[in-house]
Amino acid sequence: MSDGISDGAEDVVGVLTERIESHFGMGMDELRAAVGADPAANTDATEAVKWHGLLVQAQSVLERAEDDLLAALETQASEVDDPTLGLAHRVNEAVTTRDGRAMVVRWLLDPEAPGKQGLGAERLARLRSRTGPAVQTSPPRRPGEAPPPAPASARPAGRLTR
């Protein structure tokens, strides 16, 4: 990764944690408490705390996957078997997840990031202002239950209903 973040696992989380703390002027524990007390007070802080938590979680998953892979490799004779290869894929997936979440955190902290100015920023602001689902939802029907009647606006024009 660029921006001074090395490939070392702890470095990614550590560097981004320091950036968040510097950006908001408080430690992560204090920031989490502030966001927990009033999530709507600062949506930027709320998003940063949310994605930092997801980043820490992804880092933990990556470390477990790496430990599992190392343990399996220690028992291998010469060729890697399929289960061990699966563990290697799991490590790759965990790295990708961690790095993706790190990119989101970096984007959240960068006021000059693409999409934060101009039309992109306006669209983002509109999306953030939504309080409910983007589409109307209804509970699923139970097996054997009749479908609900169609609303009057959905009936074909010019037909009379009796």
C-alpha atoms as a PDB file:
ATOM      1  CA  MET A   1       0.000   0.000   0.000  1.00  0.00           C
ATOM      2  CA  SER A   2       1.128   3.552  -0.559  1.00  0.00           C
ATOM      3  CA  ASP A   3       0.962   6.552   1.773  1.00  0.00           C
ATOM      4  CA  GLY A   4       3.578   5.180   4.149  1.00  0.00           C
ATOM      5  CA  ILE A   5       1.644   2.029   4.944  1.00  0.00           C
ATOM      6  CA  SER A   6       3.880  -0.998   4.670  1.00  0.00           C
ATOM      7  CA  ASP A   7       2.771  -4.539   3.996  1.00  0.00           C
ATOM      8  CA  GLY A   8       3.205  -5.451   7.672  1.00  0.00           C
ATOM      9  CA  ALA A   9      -0.126  -6.478   9.135  1.00  0.00           C
ATOM     10  CA  GLU A  10       0.062  -4.457  12.336  1.00  0.00           C
ATOM     11  CA  ASP A  11       1.366  -1.431  10.442  1.00  0.00           C
ATOM     12  CA  VAL A  12      -1.804  -1.051   8.340  1.00  0.00           C
ATOM     13  CA  VAL A  13      -4.117  -0.920  11.334  1.00  0.00           C
ATOM     14  CA  GLY A  14      -1.647   1.040  13.458  1.00  0.00           C
ATOM     15  CA  VAL A  15      -0.994   3.728  10.850  1.00  0.00           C
ATOM     16  CA  LEU A  16      -4.677   4.177  10.067  1.00  0.00           C
ATOM     17  CA  THR A  17      -5.567   4.272  13.750  1.00  0.00           C
ATOM     18  CA  GLU A  18      -3.026   7.072  14.231  1.00  0.00           C
ATOM     19  CA  ARG A  19      -4.459   8.941  11.238  1.00  0.00           C
ATOM     20  CA  ILE A  20      -8.002   8.677  12.582  1.00  0.00           C
ATOM     21  CA  GLU A  21      -6.894   9.859  16.016  1.00  0.00           C
ATOM     22  CA  SER A  22      -4.988  12.775  14.469  1.00  0.00           C
ATOM     23  CA  HIS A  23      -7.854  13.677  12.132  1.00  0.00           C
ATOM     24  CA  PHE A  24     -10.450  13.842  14.904  1.00  0.00           C
ATOM     25  CA  GLY A  25      -8.093  15.008  17.658  1.00  0.00           C
ATOM     26  CA  MET A  26      -8.862  12.204  20.109  1.00  0.00           C
ATOM     27  CA  GLY A  27      -7.960   8.586  20.811  1.00  0.00           C
ATOM     28  CA  MET A  28      -9.999   5.724  19.349  1.00  0.00           C
ATOM     29  CA  ASP A  29     -11.585   4.823  22.688  1.00  0.00           C
ATOM     30  CA  GLU A  30     -12.715   8.415  23.190  1.00  0.00           C
ATOM     31  CA  LEU A  31     -13.912   8.669  19.586  1.00  0.00           C
ATOM     32  CA  ARG A  32     -15.869   5.401  19.862  1.00  0.00           C
ATOM     33  CA  ALA A  33     -17.510   6.674  23.041  1.00  0.00           C
ATOM     34  CA  ALA A  34     -18.429   9.985  21.403  1.00  0.00           C
ATOM     35  CA  VAL A  35     -19.881   8.241  18.356  1.00  0.00           C
ATOM     36  CA  GLY A  36     -21.749   5.787  20.581  1.00  0.00           C
ATOM     37  CA  ALA A  37     -23.281   8.637  22.560  1.00  0.00           C
ATOM     38  CA  ASP A  38     -24.504  10.533  19.471  1.00  0.00           C
ATOM     39  CA  PRO A  39     -23.900   8.820  16.112  1.00  0.00           C
ATOM     40  CA  ALA A  40     -25.644  11.595  14.171  1.00  0.00           C
ATOM     41  CA  ALA A  41     -23.481  14.386  15.616  1.00  0.00           C
ATOM     42  CA  ASN A  42     -20.632  13.797  13.159  1.00  0.00           C
ATOM     43  CA  THR A  43     -21.322  11.379  10.318  1.00  0.00           C
ATOM     44  CA  ASP A  44     -17.664  11.450   9.259  1.00  0.00           C
ATOM     45  CA  ALA A  45     -16.574  10.277  12.712  1.00  0.00           C
ATOM     46  CA  THR A  46     -19.332   7.660  12.779  1.00  0.00           C
ATOM     47  CA  GLU A  47     -18.228   6.256   9.416  1.00  0.00           C
ATOM     48  CA  ALA A  48     -14.545   6.309  10.430  1.00  0.00           C
ATOM     49  CA  VAL A  49     -15.276   4.413  13.658  1.00  0.00           C
ATOM     50  CA  LYS A  50     -17.471   1.896  11.818  1.00  0.00           C
ATOM     51  CA  TRP A  51     -14.860   1.199   9.137  1.00  0.00           C
ATOM     52  CA  HIS A  52     -12.006   1.147  11.638  1.00  0.00           C
ATOM     53  CA  GLY A  53     -13.882  -1.569  13.529  1.00  0.00           C
ATOM     54  CA  LEU A  54     -14.354  -3.518  10.296  1.00  0.00           C
ATOM     55  CA  LEU A  55     -10.647  -3.064   9.543  1.00  0.00           C
ATOM     56  CA  VAL A  56      -9.623  -4.374  12.972  1.00  0.00           C
ATOM     57  CA  GLN A  57     -11.985  -7.324  12.521  1.00  0.00           C
ATOM     58  CA  ALA A  58     -10.511  -8.100   9.086  1.00  0.00           C
ATOM     59  CA  GLN A  59      -7.001  -7.903  10.536  1.00  0.00           C
ATOM     60  CA  SER A  60      -7.959 -10.427  13.210  1.00  0.00           C
ATOM     61  CA  VAL A  61      -9.383 -12.805  10.593  1.00  0.00           C
ATOM     62  CA  LEU A  62      -6.194 -12.431   8.555  1.00  0.00           C
ATOM     63  CA  GLU A  63      -3.970 -13.227  11.531  1.00  0.00           C
ATOM     64  CA  ARG A  64      -5.986 -16.386  12.319  1.00  0.00           C
ATOM     65  CA  ALA A  65      -5.826 -17.473   8.675  1.00  0.00           C
ATOM     66  CA  GLU A  66      -2.074 -16.918   8.593  1.00  0.00           C
ATOM     67  CA  ASP A  67      -1.617 -18.900  11.813  1.00  0.00           C
ATOM     68  CA  ASP A  68      -3.695 -21.766  10.408  1.00  0.00           C
ATOM     69  CA  LEU A  69      -1.685 -21.750   7.179  1.00  0.00           C
ATOM     70  CA  LEU A  70       1.654 -21.742   9.002  1.00  0.00           C
ATOM     71  CA  ALA A  71       0.560 -24.631  11.209  1.00  0.00           C
ATOM     72  CA  ALA A  72      -0.518 -26.624   8.145  1.00  0.00           C
ATOM     73  CA  LEU A  73       2.707 -25.861   6.282  1.00  0.00           C
ATOM     74  CA  GLU A  74       4.778 -27.132   9.208  1.00  0.00           C
ATOM     75  CA  THR A  75       3.169 -30.557   8.806  1.00  0.00           C
ATOM     76  CA  GLN A  76       3.639 -30.765   5.013  1.00  0.00           C
ATOM     77  CA  ALA A  77       6.263 -33.121   3.667  1.00  0.00           C
ATOM     78  CA  SER A  78       7.133 -31.669   0.293  1.00  0.00           C
ATOM     79  CA  GLU A  79       4.062 -30.869  -1.790  1.00  0.00           C
ATOM     80  CA  VAL A  80       1.202 -28.738  -0.553  1.00  0.00           C
ATOM     81  CA  ASP A  81      -2.055 -30.664  -0.290  1.00  0.00           C
ATOM     82  CA  ASP A  82      -5.498 -29.304  -1.231  1.00  0.00           C
ATOM     83  CA  PRO A  83      -6.597 -28.370   2.316  1.00  0.00           C
ATOM     84  CA  THR A  84      -3.392 -26.365   2.796  1.00  0.00           C
ATOM     85  CA  LEU A  85      -3.878 -24.712  -0.575  1.00  0.00           C
ATOM     86  CA  GLY A  86      -7.378 -23.789   0.599  1.00  0.00           C
ATOM     87  CA  LEU A  87      -5.840 -22.147   3.663  1.00  0.00           C
ATOM     88  CA  ALA A  88      -3.530 -20.149   1.389  1.00  0.00           C
ATOM     89  CA  HIS A  89      -6.563 -18.942  -0.562  1.00  0.00           C
ATOM     90  CA  ARG A  90      -8.220 -18.003   2.724  1.00  0.00           C
ATOM     91  CA  VAL A  91      -5.162 -15.871   3.595  1.00  0.00           C
ATOM     92  CA  ASN A  92      -5.329 -14.152   0.199  1.00  0.00           C
ATOM     93  CA  GLU A  93      -9.024 -13.412   0.664  1.00  0.00           C
ATOM     94  CA  ALA A  94      -8.372 -12.043   4.147  1.00  0.00           C
ATOM     95  CA  VAL A  95      -5.598  -9.770   2.833  1.00  0.00           C
ATOM     96  CA  THR A  96      -7.910  -8.473   0.120  1.00  0.00           C
ATOM     97  CA  THR A  97     -10.665  -7.781   2.640  1.00  0.00           C
ATOM     98  CA  ARG A  98      -8.295  -6.041   5.038  1.00  0.00           C
ATOM     99  CA  ASP A  99      -6.756  -3.939   2.286  1.00  0.00           C
ATOM    100  CA  GLY A 100     -10.166  -2.978   0.907  1.00  0.00           C
ATOM    101  CA  ARG A 101     -11.309  -1.806   4.315  1.00  0.00           C
ATOM    102  CA  ALA A 102      -8.046   0.098   4.761  1.00  0.00           C
ATOM    103  CA  MET A 103      -8.722   1.871   1.467  1.00  0.00           C
ATOM    104  CA  VAL A 104     -12.162   2.915   2.679  1.00  0.00           C
ATOM    105  CA  VAL A 105     -10.677   4.333   5.899  1.00  0.00           C
ATOM    106  CA  ARG A 106      -8.077   6.251   3.899  1.00  0.00           C
ATOM    107  CA  TRP A 107     -10.808   7.596   1.617  1.00  0.00           C
ATOM    108  CA  LEU A 108     -12.895   8.700   4.578  1.00  0.00           C
ATOM    109  CA  LEU A 109      -9.957  10.641   6.012  1.00  0.00           C
ATOM    110  CA  ASP A 110      -8.970  12.358   2.742  1.00  0.00           C
ATOM    111  CA  PRO A 111     -11.002  15.527   2.096  1.00  0.00           C
ATOM    112  CA  GLU A 112      -9.543  15.730  -1.433  1.00  0.00           C
ATOM    113  CA  ALA A 113     -10.528  12.152  -2.334  1.00  0.00           C
ATOM    114  CA  PRO A 114     -12.436  11.556  -5.564  1.00  0.00           C
ATOM    115  CA  GLY A 115     -16.152  11.855  -5.009  1.00  0.00           C
ATOM    116  CA  LYS A 116     -15.866  14.250  -2.074  1.00  0.00           C
ATOM    117  CA  GLN A 117     -16.158  17.424  -4.112  1.00  0.00           C
ATOM    118  CA  GLY A 118     -18.598  18.546  -6.780  1.00  0.00           C
ATOM    119  CA  LEU A 119     -21.402  16.361  -8.075  1.00  0.00           C
ATOM    120  CA  GLY A 120     -20.058  13.217  -6.377  1.00  0.00           C
ATOM    121  CA  ALA A 121     -20.150  14.925  -2.995  1.00  0.00           C
ATOM    122  CA  GLU A 122     -23.703  16.125  -3.579  1.00  0.00           C
ATOM    123  CA  ARG A 123     -24.838  12.599  -4.421  1.00  0.00           C
ATOM    124  CA  LEU A 124     -23.080  11.218  -1.357  1.00  0.00           C
ATOM    125  CA  ALA A 125     -24.769  13.832   0.831  1.00  0.00           C
ATOM    126  CA  ARG A 126     -28.181  12.845  -0.555  1.00  0.00           C
ATOM    127  CA  LEU A 127     -27.486   9.172   0.138  1.00  0.00           C
ATOM    128  CA  ARG A 128     -26.401   9.930   3.700  1.00  0.00           C
ATOM    129  CA  SER A 129     -29.577  11.886   4.378  1.00  0.00           C
ATOM    130  CA  ARG A 130     -31.778   8.847   3.802  1.00  0.00           C
ATOM    131  CA  THR A 131     -33.149   7.377   6.965  1.00  0.00           C
ATOM    132  CA  GLY A 132     -34.915   4.302   5.642  1.00  0.00           C
ATOM    133  CA  PRO A 133     -34.533   1.728   2.913  1.00  0.00           C
ATOM    134  CA  ALA A 134     -34.195   2.994  -0.661  1.00  0.00           C
ATOM    135  CA  VAL A 135     -37.207   0.946  -1.728  1.00  0.00           C
ATOM    136  CA  GLN A 136     -40.389   0.133   0.076  1.00  0.00           C
ATOM    137  CA  THR A 137     -40.219  -3.317   1.600  1.00  0.00           C
ATOM    138  CA  SER A 138     -42.837  -5.627   3.012  1.00  0.00           C
ATOM    139  CA  PRO A 139     -42.591  -8.805   5.043  1.00  0.00           C
ATOM    140  CA  PRO A 140     -42.317 -12.023   3.015  1.00  0.00           C
ATOM    141  CA  ARG A 141     -45.461 -14.064   2.445  1.00  0.00           C
ATOM    142  CA  ARG A 142     -45.844 -17.324   4.271  1.00  0.00           C
ATOM    143  CA  PRO A 143     -46.304 -20.524   2.241  1.00  0.00           C
ATOM    144  CA  GLY A 144     -49.926 -20.921   1.182  1.00  0.00           C
ATOM    145  CA  GLU A 145     -50.744 -17.281   1.924  1.00  0.00           C
ATOM    146  CA  ALA A 146     -52.599 -15.412  -0.824  1.00  0.00           C
ATOM    147  CA  PRO A 147     -50.753 -12.509  -2.427  1.00  0.00           C
ATOM    148  CA  PRO A 148     -51.913  -9.058  -1.339  1.00  0.00           C
ATOM    149  CA  PRO A 149     -54.301  -7.239  -3.690  1.00  0.00           C
ATOM    150  CA  ALA A 150     -52.645  -4.953  -6.211  1.00  0.00           C
ATOM    151  CA  PRO A 151     -52.930  -1.253  -5.390  1.00  0.00           C
ATOM    152  CA  ALA A 152     -55.445   0.733  -7.455  1.00  0.00           C
ATOM    153  CA  SER A 153     -52.630   2.577  -9.196  1.00  0.00           C
ATOM    154  CA  ALA A 154     -51.248  -0.738 -10.503  1.00  0.00           C
ATOM    155  CA  ARG A 155     -54.492  -1.767 -12.227  1.00  0.00           C
ATOM    156  CA  PRO A 156     -54.735  -1.201 -15.998  1.00  0.00           C
ATOM    157  CA  ALA A 157     -56.403   2.067 -16.962  1.00  0.00           C
ATOM    158  CA  GLY A 158     -59.867   1.928 -18.512  1.00  0.00           C
ATOM    159  CA  ARG A 159     -60.957  -1.240 -16.724  1.00  0.00           C
ATOM    160  CA  LEU A 160     -63.663  -1.249 -14.175  1.00  0.00           C
ATOM    161  CA  THR A 161     -63.303  -3.325 -11.078  1.00  0.00           C
ATOM    162  CA  ARG A 162     -66.345  -4.842  -9.455  1.00  0.00           C
END
